[in-house]
């Protein structure tokens, strides 16, 4: 999958007004704040947009909006002090195993979990920049529940998520239960349509 094609396809089907940035300026400032380079897919995304002008725009399923470069730095600074490295080190591989099964409060605020999205309830999305098998994945994060491992394929990486969104917009098909709709102000929204219990699953 071509990264640029994925991002271009997604932006082509959205009617948002993006904030412009001077190439590299806000990105470089964010990297200084968080003390690490941003992953290449995130840099490519920020090079095309810098967050959304309207906070009610929810490009991402789950009612998340994309963060600007400043928003990434602000959210990272907010969560980072909550990270308990001593406890994380003590739990070690057990914490990682629990995370992939039920989520983990220990990982909340981990400096290598880079914020990329935010909802209106205080939750968010983080891009996993830690070394290991989960590098590049996107996780949901919330103060009470901690960091949640998403099992749906769309959370595999930022490019995969953007490609899945573009496909959903092209085909008008739901994405993990979220169907794309346009509100009266011509803004993209996601209507959650859970699978009915009386509906037979394919192959059942």
Protein backbone atom coordinates (compact mmCIF):
# COMPACT_ATOMS: atom_id res chain seq x y z
CA UNK A 1 0.00 0.00 0.00
CA UNK A 2 1.41 3.40 -0.94
CA UNK A 3 1.34 5.77 2.02
CA UNK A 4 0.79 8.87 -0.08
CA UNK A 5 -2.04 7.24 -2.03
CA UNK A 6 -3.79 6.26 1.19
CA UNK A 7 -3.63 9.77 2.61
CA UNK A 8 -4.59 11.40 -0.69
CA UNK A 9 -7.62 9.13 -1.02
CA UNK A 10 -8.80 9.97 2.46
CA UNK A 11 -8.44 13.72 2.03
CA UNK A 12 -10.11 13.59 -1.37
CA UNK A 13 -13.32 12.32 0.21
CA UNK A 14 -13.42 14.75 3.11
CA UNK A 15 -14.88 18.26 2.92
CA UNK A 16 -12.95 19.70 5.85
CA UNK A 17 -11.00 22.93 6.01
CA UNK A 18 -7.50 22.20 7.28
CA UNK A 19 -5.14 24.43 9.13
CA UNK A 20 -2.02 25.18 7.11
CA UNK A 21 1.46 24.89 8.56
CA UNK A 22 4.86 26.03 7.41
CA UNK A 23 6.46 22.73 6.30
CA UNK A 24 8.53 21.29 9.12
CA UNK A 25 8.10 24.20 11.55
CA UNK A 26 5.32 22.92 13.81
CA UNK A 27 6.49 19.35 13.34
CA UNK A 28 10.01 20.20 14.47
CA UNK A 29 8.66 22.10 17.48
CA UNK A 30 6.54 19.10 18.48
CA UNK A 31 9.51 16.75 18.16
CA UNK A 32 11.50 18.99 20.50
CA UNK A 33 8.72 18.92 23.09
CA UNK A 34 8.26 15.13 23.07
CA UNK A 35 11.98 14.42 22.73
CA UNK A 36 11.76 12.06 19.76
CA UNK A 37 11.17 12.13 16.00
CA UNK A 38 7.58 11.68 14.91
CA UNK A 39 6.93 8.47 12.92
CA UNK A 40 7.07 8.95 9.15
CA UNK A 41 3.32 8.30 8.53
CA UNK A 42 2.41 10.94 11.10
CA UNK A 43 4.83 13.44 9.56
CA UNK A 44 3.25 12.80 6.16
CA UNK A 45 -0.20 13.35 7.62
CA UNK A 46 0.78 16.59 9.36
CA UNK A 47 2.41 17.80 6.15
CA UNK A 48 -1.05 17.76 4.55
CA UNK A 49 -3.06 19.14 7.43
CA UNK A 50 -2.56 20.55 10.90
CA UNK A 51 -5.64 19.43 12.77
CA UNK A 52 -9.18 20.57 12.06
CA UNK A 53 -10.56 24.09 12.29
CA UNK A 54 -13.88 22.80 13.58
CA UNK A 55 -13.64 20.58 16.67
CA UNK A 56 -16.97 18.97 15.72
CA UNK A 57 -15.40 17.40 12.65
CA UNK A 58 -14.79 13.74 13.32
CA UNK A 59 -12.74 12.27 10.51
CA UNK A 60 -11.97 9.12 12.47
CA UNK A 61 -14.45 6.39 13.48
CA UNK A 62 -15.17 6.39 17.19
CA UNK A 63 -15.86 10.15 17.08
CA UNK A 64 -12.21 11.18 17.11
CA UNK A 65 -10.79 14.25 15.43
CA UNK A 66 -7.19 14.56 14.28
CA UNK A 67 -4.80 16.57 16.43
CA UNK A 68 -2.67 19.41 15.15
CA UNK A 69 1.07 19.38 15.75
CA UNK A 70 0.54 21.66 18.76
CA UNK A 71 -2.28 19.42 19.95
CA UNK A 72 0.01 16.40 19.82
CA UNK A 73 2.57 18.19 21.97
CA UNK A 74 -0.07 19.45 24.41
CA UNK A 75 -1.71 16.05 24.87
CA UNK A 76 1.68 14.37 25.27
CA UNK A 77 2.69 16.89 27.95
CA UNK A 78 -0.61 16.38 29.75
CA UNK A 79 -0.35 12.58 29.94
CA UNK A 80 3.41 12.06 30.32
CA UNK A 81 3.56 12.92 34.07
CA UNK A 82 1.10 10.09 34.79
CA UNK A 83 3.42 7.41 33.48
CA UNK A 84 4.75 5.22 36.30
CA UNK A 85 7.97 3.80 34.87
CA UNK A 86 8.86 1.91 38.05
CA UNK A 87 5.57 -0.01 38.05
CA UNK A 88 5.84 -0.63 34.30
CA UNK A 89 9.36 -2.02 34.72
CA UNK A 90 8.27 -4.24 37.62
CA UNK A 91 5.39 -5.72 35.64
CA UNK A 92 7.51 -6.10 32.51
CA UNK A 93 6.23 -8.61 29.96
CA UNK A 94 3.18 -9.37 32.07
CA UNK A 95 1.96 -5.80 31.60
CA UNK A 96 2.40 -6.12 27.82
CA UNK A 97 0.51 -9.42 27.79
CA UNK A 98 -2.37 -7.91 29.80
CA UNK A 99 -2.37 -4.88 27.51
CA UNK A 100 -2.94 -6.99 24.40
CA UNK A 101 -5.77 -8.88 26.14
CA UNK A 102 -7.65 -6.39 28.31
CA UNK A 103 -5.77 -3.09 28.07
CA UNK A 104 -3.41 -1.48 30.55
CA UNK A 105 -3.54 1.48 32.92
CA UNK A 106 0.24 1.08 33.47
CA UNK A 107 0.96 2.30 29.94
CA UNK A 108 -1.08 5.51 30.37
CA UNK A 109 1.22 8.43 29.66
CA UNK A 110 4.04 6.31 28.21
CA UNK A 111 6.33 8.80 26.45
CA UNK A 112 6.48 6.68 23.29
CA UNK A 113 2.71 6.57 22.87
CA UNK A 114 2.22 9.63 20.68
CA UNK A 115 -1.22 11.31 20.66
CA UNK A 116 -2.83 11.57 17.23
CA UNK A 117 -6.55 11.98 17.95
CA UNK A 118 -8.97 13.26 20.57
CA UNK A 119 -12.67 12.96 21.30
CA UNK A 120 -14.91 15.43 23.12
CA UNK A 121 -15.04 13.26 26.24
CA UNK A 122 -11.35 13.46 27.05
CA UNK A 123 -10.36 10.19 25.40
CA UNK A 124 -7.92 9.89 22.56
CA UNK A 125 -5.88 7.88 20.11
CA UNK A 126 -2.16 7.26 20.44
CA UNK A 127 0.35 5.95 17.94
CA UNK A 128 2.62 3.31 19.43
CA UNK A 129 6.24 4.28 18.81
CA UNK A 130 7.76 1.73 21.21
CA UNK A 131 10.14 -0.90 19.81
CA UNK A 132 8.44 -4.25 19.32
CA UNK A 133 5.56 -5.93 17.54
CA UNK A 134 3.07 -3.17 18.33
CA UNK A 135 5.16 -0.38 16.85
CA UNK A 136 3.06 1.70 14.49
CA UNK A 137 -0.29 0.50 15.86
CA UNK A 138 -2.96 2.92 17.05
CA UNK A 139 -4.52 2.45 20.48
CA UNK A 140 -7.41 4.09 22.26
CA UNK A 141 -6.58 5.84 25.52
CA UNK A 142 -8.74 7.06 28.38
CA UNK A 143 -7.84 8.24 31.89
CA UNK A 144 -9.84 5.59 33.74
CA UNK A 145 -9.38 2.57 31.47
CA UNK A 146 -5.84 3.39 30.40
CA UNK A 147 -4.63 2.22 27.00
CA UNK A 148 -6.76 -0.23 25.03
CA UNK A 149 -5.48 -2.53 22.30
CA UNK A 150 -7.80 -2.39 19.27
CA UNK A 151 -8.40 -5.73 17.60
CA UNK A 152 -9.89 -4.36 14.36
CA UNK A 153 -7.54 -4.34 11.37
CA UNK A 154 -7.95 -0.59 10.90
CA UNK A 155 -5.87 0.05 14.03
CA UNK A 156 -2.84 -1.75 12.54
CA UNK A 157 -1.21 1.54 11.54
CA UNK A 158 -2.04 5.11 10.61
CA UNK A 159 -1.82 4.42 6.83
CA UNK A 160 -4.09 1.36 7.20
CA UNK A 161 -6.59 3.46 9.17
CA UNK A 162 -6.63 6.18 6.51
CA UNK A 163 -6.98 3.63 3.74
CA UNK A 164 -9.88 1.94 5.58
CA UNK A 165 -11.61 5.30 6.02
CA UNK A 166 -11.16 6.13 2.34
CA UNK A 167 -12.62 2.76 1.37
CA UNK A 168 -15.58 3.26 3.70
CA UNK A 169 -16.26 6.67 2.17
CA UNK A 170 -15.92 5.31 -1.37
CA UNK A 171 -18.24 2.38 -0.79
CA UNK A 172 -20.56 3.87 1.84
CA UNK A 173 -19.94 0.75 3.92
CA UNK A 174 -19.63 0.72 7.74
CA UNK A 175 -16.21 0.48 9.31
CA UNK A 176 -16.21 -1.62 12.49
CA UNK A 177 -19.85 -0.68 13.06
CA UNK A 178 -19.41 3.01 12.18
CA UNK A 179 -21.19 4.21 9.05
CA UNK A 180 -20.13 7.48 7.35
CA UNK A 181 -22.89 10.09 7.15
CA UNK A 182 -23.06 13.76 6.25
CA UNK A 183 -24.86 16.17 8.58
CA UNK A 184 -26.95 19.20 7.57
CA UNK A 185 -23.83 21.37 7.49
CA UNK A 186 -22.12 18.97 5.06
CA UNK A 187 -19.72 17.68 7.70
CA UNK A 188 -18.66 14.08 7.91
CA UNK A 189 -19.96 12.20 10.95
CA UNK A 190 -19.93 8.54 11.93
CA UNK A 191 -23.17 6.81 12.87
CA UNK A 192 -22.60 3.82 15.14
CA UNK A 193 -24.64 0.85 13.92
CA UNK A 194 -23.86 -2.23 16.02
CA UNK A 195 -24.55 -5.64 14.53
CA UNK A 196 -28.00 -6.86 15.52
CA UNK A 197 -27.99 -9.92 17.73
CA UNK A 198 -30.54 -11.67 15.54
CA UNK A 199 -28.41 -11.22 12.43
CA UNK A 200 -26.50 -14.33 11.39
CA UNK A 201 -22.79 -13.80 10.98
CA UNK A 202 -21.16 -15.02 7.75
CA UNK A 203 -19.95 -18.59 8.18
CA UNK A 204 -21.96 -19.13 11.37
